[in-house]
Amino acid sequence: MEKKTLIIGVIGADVHAVGNQILYFAFREAGFNVINLGVMVSQEEYIEAAIEAKADAILVSSLYGHGELDCQGLRDKCNEAGLKDILLYVGGNIVVGKQPFEEVKKRFTDMGFDRVFGPGTSPETTIEALQEDLYGAH
């Protein structure tokens, strides 16, 4: 089975690096080719890296609560850059304050994200979703 390529990073002005490293190691252990852009990643950097690596998915992390602002327009920019079919995931503490997750999830799926993960989601949950979405495995 061909290794799928993931672009991961922490978007915007966020500098939370620990979770990013945990995901990097977990995704590599699960057999993915992982390109980790680190922290404070712009939308353009995700897209450039995805094009360069012919990536299968972009996984956006945000922990400082401003993910909603940082992620607006990412799907449109992907489409414009020729990445219409790229899988887009977002996860972490992606909004400010305590908001019902179903509402948050809807806002992000409306923005074009394929999957939305709340705070404290285990890497295993994300890996299962990736395997399902990229390989059709259940």
N, C-alpha and C. Protein backbone atom coordinates (compact mmCIF):
# COMPACT_ATOMS: atom_id res chain seq x y z
N MET A 1 0.85 -1.19 0.00
CA MET A 1 0.00 0.00 0.00
C MET A 1 0.89 1.25 0.00
N GLU A 2 0.60 2.15 -0.88
CA GLU A 2 1.38 3.38 -1.01
C GLU A 2 1.19 4.28 0.22
N LYS A 3 2.30 4.82 0.71
CA LYS A 3 2.22 5.73 1.87
C LYS A 3 1.55 7.03 1.45
N LYS A 4 0.58 7.47 2.23
CA LYS A 4 -0.08 8.74 1.98
C LYS A 4 0.73 9.84 2.68
N THR A 5 0.71 11.02 2.08
CA THR A 5 1.49 12.14 2.61
C THR A 5 0.58 13.14 3.30
N LEU A 6 0.95 13.49 4.53
CA LEU A 6 0.21 14.46 5.33
C LEU A 6 1.06 15.70 5.55
N ILE A 7 0.42 16.85 5.47
CA ILE A 7 1.06 18.11 5.86
C ILE A 7 0.44 18.49 7.20
N ILE A 8 1.27 18.66 8.23
CA ILE A 8 0.74 19.07 9.53
C ILE A 8 1.44 20.34 9.99
N GLY A 9 0.76 21.05 10.88
CA GLY A 9 1.34 22.25 11.45
C GLY A 9 0.32 22.97 12.31
N VAL A 10 0.80 23.97 13.01
CA VAL A 10 -0.04 24.78 13.89
C VAL A 10 -0.23 26.13 13.20
N ILE A 11 -1.49 26.48 12.95
CA ILE A 11 -1.81 27.64 12.11
C ILE A 11 -1.74 28.97 12.86
N GLY A 12 -1.54 30.03 12.10
CA GLY A 12 -1.64 31.39 12.64
C GLY A 12 -0.50 31.76 13.56
N ALA A 13 -0.81 32.52 14.59
CA ALA A 13 0.21 33.00 15.53
C ALA A 13 0.42 32.03 16.69
N ASP A 14 -0.11 30.82 16.54
CA ASP A 14 -0.06 29.83 17.62
C ASP A 14 1.33 29.21 17.72
N VAL A 15 1.84 29.07 18.94
CA VAL A 15 3.17 28.51 19.15
C VAL A 15 3.14 27.22 19.97
N HIS A 16 2.00 26.56 20.04
CA HIS A 16 1.89 25.32 20.83
C HIS A 16 2.52 24.16 20.05
N ALA A 17 3.72 23.78 20.45
CA ALA A 17 4.49 22.80 19.68
C ALA A 17 4.37 21.37 20.18
N VAL A 18 4.01 21.16 21.44
CA VAL A 18 4.05 19.81 22.01
C VAL A 18 3.06 18.87 21.32
N GLY A 19 1.80 19.28 21.21
CA GLY A 19 0.79 18.45 20.55
C GLY A 19 1.17 18.15 19.11
N ASN A 20 1.75 19.14 18.46
CA ASN A 20 2.19 19.00 17.07
C ASN A 20 3.23 17.88 16.96
N GLN A 21 4.17 17.84 17.88
CA GLN A 21 5.21 16.80 17.87
C GLN A 21 4.59 15.42 18.15
N ILE A 22 3.65 15.38 19.07
CA ILE A 22 2.98 14.11 19.39
C ILE A 22 2.28 13.57 18.14
N LEU A 23 1.56 14.44 17.43
CA LEU A 23 0.86 14.03 16.21
C LEU A 23 1.87 13.57 15.15
N TYR A 24 2.95 14.31 15.01
CA TYR A 24 3.98 13.96 14.03
C TYR A 24 4.45 12.53 14.24
N PHE A 25 4.81 12.19 15.48
CA PHE A 25 5.31 10.85 15.77
C PHE A 25 4.22 9.81 15.61
N ALA A 26 3.01 10.11 16.06
CA ALA A 26 1.90 9.14 15.96
C ALA A 26 1.56 8.84 14.51
N PHE A 27 1.51 9.87 13.66
CA PHE A 27 1.17 9.67 12.25
C PHE A 27 2.29 8.89 11.53
N ARG A 28 3.53 9.18 11.87
CA ARG A 28 4.65 8.43 11.26
C ARG A 28 4.61 6.97 11.68
N GLU A 29 4.35 6.74 12.97
CA GLU A 29 4.26 5.37 13.47
C GLU A 29 3.13 4.61 12.77
N ALA A 30 2.07 5.33 12.40
CA ALA A 30 0.91 4.71 11.74
C ALA A 30 1.17 4.47 10.25
N GLY A 31 2.36 4.86 9.77
CA GLY A 31 2.73 4.54 8.40
C GLY A 31 2.51 5.66 7.38
N PHE A 32 2.28 6.87 7.86
CA PHE A 32 2.11 7.99 6.93
C PHE A 32 3.45 8.68 6.70
N ASN A 33 3.59 9.30 5.54
CA ASN A 33 4.70 10.19 5.25
C ASN A 33 4.25 11.55 5.78
N VAL A 34 4.96 12.10 6.77
CA VAL A 34 4.49 13.32 7.44
C VAL A 34 5.48 14.46 7.23
N ILE A 35 4.96 15.58 6.74
CA ILE A 35 5.76 16.80 6.62
C ILE A 35 5.22 17.76 7.67
N ASN A 36 6.08 18.05 8.64
CA ASN A 36 5.67 18.89 9.77
C ASN A 36 6.19 20.30 9.56
N LEU A 37 5.27 21.24 9.37
CA LEU A 37 5.65 22.63 9.14
C LEU A 37 5.89 23.39 10.45
N GLY A 38 5.65 22.73 11.58
CA GLY A 38 5.91 23.37 12.87
C GLY A 38 4.81 24.32 13.29
N VAL A 39 5.20 25.42 13.92
CA VAL A 39 4.23 26.36 14.49
C VAL A 39 4.19 27.65 13.66
N MET A 40 3.16 28.44 13.91
CA MET A 40 2.97 29.73 13.25
C MET A 40 2.95 29.59 11.72
N VAL A 41 2.15 28.66 11.23
CA VAL A 41 2.09 28.34 9.80
C VAL A 41 0.96 29.13 9.15
N SER A 42 1.25 29.75 8.01
CA SER A 42 0.21 30.48 7.27
C SER A 42 -0.53 29.52 6.34
N GLN A 43 -1.71 29.91 5.91
CA GLN A 43 -2.47 29.10 4.96
C GLN A 43 -1.63 28.84 3.70
N GLU A 44 -0.94 29.86 3.24
CA GLU A 44 -0.13 29.75 2.03
C GLU A 44 0.98 28.71 2.20
N GLU A 45 1.58 28.65 3.40
CA GLU A 45 2.64 27.67 3.65
C GLU A 45 2.09 26.24 3.58
N TYR A 46 0.89 26.02 4.15
CA TYR A 46 0.26 24.69 4.04
C TYR A 46 0.08 24.32 2.57
N ILE A 47 -0.46 25.25 1.81
CA ILE A 47 -0.79 24.98 0.40
C ILE A 47 0.48 24.74 -0.42
N GLU A 48 1.50 25.59 -0.24
CA GLU A 48 2.76 25.40 -0.97
C GLU A 48 3.37 24.04 -0.66
N ALA A 49 3.37 23.67 0.62
CA ALA A 49 3.94 22.38 1.02
C ALA A 49 3.13 21.23 0.43
N ALA A 50 1.81 21.37 0.41
CA ALA A 50 0.94 20.31 -0.12
C ALA A 50 1.18 20.11 -1.61
N ILE A 51 1.35 21.21 -2.33
CA ILE A 51 1.60 21.12 -3.78
C ILE A 51 2.96 20.48 -4.02
N GLU A 52 3.97 20.96 -3.31
CA GLU A 52 5.33 20.48 -3.49
C GLU A 52 5.44 18.98 -3.19
N ALA A 53 4.76 18.53 -2.13
CA ALA A 53 4.86 17.14 -1.69
C ALA A 53 3.80 16.24 -2.33
N LYS A 54 2.93 16.83 -3.16
CA LYS A 54 1.79 16.08 -3.71
C LYS A 54 1.04 15.38 -2.58
N ALA A 55 0.74 16.16 -1.54
CA ALA A 55 0.14 15.63 -0.32
C ALA A 55 -1.30 15.17 -0.54
N ASP A 56 -1.71 14.26 0.33
CA ASP A 56 -3.07 13.72 0.30
C ASP A 56 -3.97 14.43 1.30
N ALA A 57 -3.38 15.07 2.31
CA ALA A 57 -4.18 15.72 3.35
C ALA A 57 -3.40 16.85 4.01
N ILE A 58 -4.15 17.85 4.44
CA ILE A 58 -3.61 18.94 5.27
C ILE A 58 -4.32 18.86 6.60
N LEU A 59 -3.53 18.77 7.68
CA LEU A 59 -4.09 18.70 9.03
C LEU A 59 -3.67 19.96 9.78
N VAL A 60 -4.65 20.76 10.10
CA VAL A 60 -4.42 22.05 10.76
C VAL A 60 -4.69 21.90 12.25
N SER A 61 -3.73 22.29 13.06
CA SER A 61 -3.91 22.31 14.51
C SER A 61 -3.98 23.76 14.97
N SER A 62 -4.76 23.97 16.02
CA SER A 62 -4.80 25.28 16.65
C SER A 62 -5.16 25.08 18.10
N LEU A 63 -4.42 25.72 18.99
CA LEU A 63 -4.71 25.54 20.41
C LEU A 63 -5.01 26.84 21.12
N TYR A 64 -4.76 27.97 20.47
CA TYR A 64 -4.90 29.23 21.20
C TYR A 64 -6.27 29.86 21.02
N GLY A 65 -7.19 29.14 20.36
CA GLY A 65 -8.58 29.58 20.30
C GLY A 65 -8.97 30.39 19.09
N HIS A 66 -8.00 30.76 18.23
CA HIS A 66 -8.33 31.61 17.08
C HIS A 66 -8.37 30.84 15.76
N GLY A 67 -8.54 29.53 15.85
CA GLY A 67 -8.57 28.68 14.66
C GLY A 67 -9.64 29.09 13.67
N GLU A 68 -10.76 29.53 14.19
CA GLU A 68 -11.86 29.88 13.30
C GLU A 68 -11.46 31.02 12.35
N LEU A 69 -10.81 32.03 12.89
CA LEU A 69 -10.33 33.14 12.06
C LEU A 69 -9.20 32.68 11.15
N ASP A 70 -8.25 31.93 11.72
CA ASP A 70 -7.07 31.50 10.97
C ASP A 70 -7.42 30.58 9.80
N CYS A 71 -8.52 29.84 9.92
CA CYS A 71 -8.87 28.83 8.91
C CYS A 71 -9.81 29.33 7.83
N GLN A 72 -10.40 30.50 8.01
CA GLN A 72 -11.36 30.99 7.02
C GLN A 72 -10.71 31.13 5.65
N GLY A 73 -11.38 30.56 4.65
CA GLY A 73 -10.90 30.70 3.28
C GLY A 73 -9.88 29.66 2.85
N LEU A 74 -9.47 28.77 3.76
CA LEU A 74 -8.43 27.79 3.40
C LEU A 74 -8.90 26.86 2.29
N ARG A 75 -10.13 26.36 2.37
CA ARG A 75 -10.63 25.45 1.32
C ARG A 75 -10.65 26.17 -0.04
N ASP A 76 -11.12 27.42 -0.05
CA ASP A 76 -11.15 28.18 -1.31
C ASP A 76 -9.75 28.33 -1.89
N LYS A 77 -8.78 28.64 -1.02
CA LYS A 77 -7.40 28.81 -1.49
C LYS A 77 -6.84 27.48 -2.01
N CYS A 78 -7.20 26.38 -1.36
CA CYS A 78 -6.77 25.06 -1.83
C CYS A 78 -7.34 24.81 -3.23
N ASN A 79 -8.63 25.09 -3.39
CA ASN A 79 -9.29 24.87 -4.68
C ASN A 79 -8.62 25.70 -5.77
N GLU A 80 -8.35 26.97 -5.46
CA GLU A 80 -7.71 27.87 -6.44
C GLU A 80 -6.32 27.39 -6.81
N ALA A 81 -5.64 26.73 -5.86
CA ALA A 81 -4.27 26.26 -6.10
C ALA A 81 -4.24 24.89 -6.77
N GLY A 82 -5.41 24.35 -7.10
CA GLY A 82 -5.46 23.05 -7.76
C GLY A 82 -5.52 21.87 -6.80
N LEU A 83 -5.83 22.13 -5.54
CA LEU A 83 -5.92 21.07 -4.52
C LEU A 83 -7.39 20.79 -4.16
N LYS A 84 -8.23 20.71 -5.17
CA LYS A 84 -9.67 20.55 -4.95
C LYS A 84 -10.03 19.33 -4.10
N ASP A 85 -9.29 18.22 -4.30
CA ASP A 85 -9.65 16.98 -3.63
C ASP A 85 -8.86 16.71 -2.36
N ILE A 86 -8.02 17.65 -1.95
CA ILE A 86 -7.19 17.39 -0.76
C ILE A 86 -8.08 17.30 0.48
N LEU A 87 -7.74 16.36 1.33
CA LEU A 87 -8.46 16.16 2.58
C LEU A 87 -8.03 17.25 3.55
N LEU A 88 -9.01 17.92 4.17
CA LEU A 88 -8.71 19.00 5.12
C LEU A 88 -9.25 18.63 6.50
N TYR A 89 -8.36 18.54 7.47
CA TYR A 89 -8.74 18.26 8.85
C TYR A 89 -8.35 19.47 9.71
N VAL A 90 -9.12 19.69 10.76
CA VAL A 90 -8.75 20.71 11.74
C VAL A 90 -9.04 20.14 13.12
N GLY A 91 -8.19 20.51 14.08
CA GLY A 91 -8.41 20.01 15.43
C GLY A 91 -7.69 20.82 16.47
N GLY A 92 -8.13 20.59 17.71
CA GLY A 92 -7.52 21.27 18.85
C GLY A 92 -8.54 22.13 19.55
N ASN A 93 -8.04 23.18 20.16
CA ASN A 93 -8.89 24.14 20.84
C ASN A 93 -9.12 25.27 19.83
N ILE A 94 -10.09 25.06 18.95
CA ILE A 94 -10.18 25.86 17.71
C ILE A 94 -11.09 27.08 17.81
N VAL A 95 -11.77 27.25 18.93
CA VAL A 95 -12.59 28.45 19.12
C VAL A 95 -12.38 29.02 20.52
N VAL A 96 -12.75 30.27 20.68
CA VAL A 96 -12.61 30.93 21.97
C VAL A 96 -13.79 30.55 22.87
N GLY A 97 -13.50 30.22 24.11
CA GLY A 97 -14.56 29.95 25.08
C GLY A 97 -15.20 28.58 24.91
N LYS A 98 -16.15 28.31 25.79
CA LYS A 98 -16.87 27.04 25.76
C LYS A 98 -18.06 27.18 24.82
N GLN A 99 -18.02 26.48 23.70
CA GLN A 99 -19.11 26.50 22.74
C GLN A 99 -19.50 25.06 22.45
N PRO A 100 -20.79 24.81 22.20
CA PRO A 100 -21.20 23.44 21.90
C PRO A 100 -20.43 22.92 20.68
N PHE A 101 -19.82 21.73 20.83
CA PHE A 101 -18.95 21.22 19.77
C PHE A 101 -19.71 21.01 18.46
N GLU A 102 -20.96 20.59 18.51
CA GLU A 102 -21.72 20.37 17.27
C GLU A 102 -21.82 21.66 16.46
N GLU A 103 -21.99 22.80 17.13
CA GLU A 103 -22.06 24.09 16.43
C GLU A 103 -20.71 24.45 15.83
N VAL A 104 -19.65 24.23 16.60
CA VAL A 104 -18.29 24.51 16.13
C VAL A 104 -18.00 23.63 14.91
N LYS A 105 -18.32 22.35 15.04
CA LYS A 105 -18.08 21.40 13.95
C LYS A 105 -18.79 21.85 12.68
N LYS A 106 -20.03 22.28 12.81
CA LYS A 106 -20.81 22.72 11.65
C LYS A 106 -20.15 23.94 10.98
N ARG A 107 -19.68 24.88 11.79
CA ARG A 107 -19.04 26.07 11.22
C ARG A 107 -17.79 25.69 10.40
N PHE A 108 -17.02 24.75 10.92
CA PHE A 108 -15.81 24.34 10.21
C PHE A 108 -16.13 23.48 8.99
N THR A 109 -17.13 22.62 9.07
CA THR A 109 -17.49 21.84 7.88
C THR A 109 -18.09 22.77 6.83
N ASP A 110 -18.81 23.79 7.26
CA ASP A 110 -19.32 24.79 6.31
C ASP A 110 -18.17 25.53 5.62
N MET A 111 -17.02 25.64 6.32
CA MET A 111 -15.84 26.29 5.75
C MET A 111 -15.11 25.36 4.79
N GLY A 112 -15.54 24.10 4.73
CA GLY A 112 -14.93 23.17 3.80
C GLY A 112 -14.00 22.13 4.40
N PHE A 113 -13.97 22.05 5.73
CA PHE A 113 -13.14 21.02 6.36
C PHE A 113 -13.88 19.68 6.32
N ASP A 114 -13.13 18.61 6.02
CA ASP A 114 -13.72 17.28 5.93
C ASP A 114 -14.01 16.69 7.31
N ARG A 115 -13.12 16.97 8.26
CA ARG A 115 -13.31 16.47 9.62
C ARG A 115 -12.85 17.54 10.61
N VAL A 116 -13.55 17.56 11.74
CA VAL A 116 -13.27 18.55 12.79
C VAL A 116 -13.12 17.79 14.10
N PHE A 117 -12.01 18.01 14.79
CA PHE A 117 -11.73 17.32 16.04
C PHE A 117 -11.63 18.31 17.18
N GLY A 118 -12.31 18.02 18.26
CA GLY A 118 -12.32 18.90 19.42
C GLY A 118 -11.09 18.73 20.28
N PRO A 119 -10.99 19.55 21.33
CA PRO A 119 -9.85 19.47 22.25
C PRO A 119 -9.76 18.07 22.87
N GLY A 120 -8.55 17.59 23.02
CA GLY A 120 -8.34 16.30 23.70
C GLY A 120 -8.59 15.08 22.84
N THR A 121 -8.79 15.26 21.54
CA THR A 121 -8.96 14.11 20.65
C THR A 121 -7.65 13.32 20.61
N SER A 122 -7.74 12.01 20.73
CA SER A 122 -6.52 11.19 20.72
C SER A 122 -5.98 11.07 19.30
N PRO A 123 -4.66 10.92 19.17
CA PRO A 123 -4.08 10.70 17.84
C PRO A 123 -4.71 9.48 17.15
N GLU A 124 -5.04 8.45 17.95
CA GLU A 124 -5.63 7.23 17.39
C GLU A 124 -6.94 7.52 16.67
N THR A 125 -7.75 8.41 17.22
CA THR A 125 -9.03 8.77 16.60
C THR A 125 -8.79 9.41 15.24
N THR A 126 -7.80 10.30 15.19
CA THR A 126 -7.47 10.98 13.94
C THR A 126 -6.89 9.98 12.93
N ILE A 127 -6.04 9.08 13.40
CA ILE A 127 -5.44 8.08 12.52
C ILE A 127 -6.53 7.19 11.90
N GLU A 128 -7.50 6.78 12.72
CA GLU A 128 -8.61 5.96 12.20
C GLU A 128 -9.37 6.72 11.11
N ALA A 129 -9.62 8.00 11.34
CA ALA A 129 -10.33 8.82 10.35
C ALA A 129 -9.51 8.93 9.06
N LEU A 130 -8.21 9.14 9.20
CA LEU A 130 -7.32 9.24 8.03
C LEU A 130 -7.34 7.93 7.24
N GLN A 131 -7.25 6.81 7.95
CA GLN A 131 -7.25 5.51 7.26
C GLN A 131 -8.56 5.29 6.51
N GLU A 132 -9.65 5.70 7.14
CA GLU A 132 -10.96 5.58 6.51
C GLU A 132 -11.04 6.48 5.27
N ASP A 133 -10.65 7.74 5.43
CA ASP A 133 -10.79 8.72 4.34
C ASP A 133 -9.78 8.53 3.21
N LEU A 134 -8.58 8.07 3.53
CA LEU A 134 -7.53 7.95 2.51
C LEU A 134 -7.42 6.56 1.91
N TYR A 135 -7.74 5.53 2.69
CA TYR A 135 -7.59 4.16 2.22
C TYR A 135 -8.93 3.41 2.15
N GLY A 136 -9.98 4.03 2.66
CA GLY A 136 -11.27 3.35 2.69
C GLY A 136 -11.32 2.24 3.72
N ALA A 137 -10.38 2.27 4.68
CA ALA A 137 -10.32 1.23 5.72
C ALA A 137 -11.25 1.59 6.87
N HIS A 138 -11.81 0.57 7.50
CA HIS A 138 -12.69 0.83 8.66
C HIS A 138 -12.14 0.18 9.90
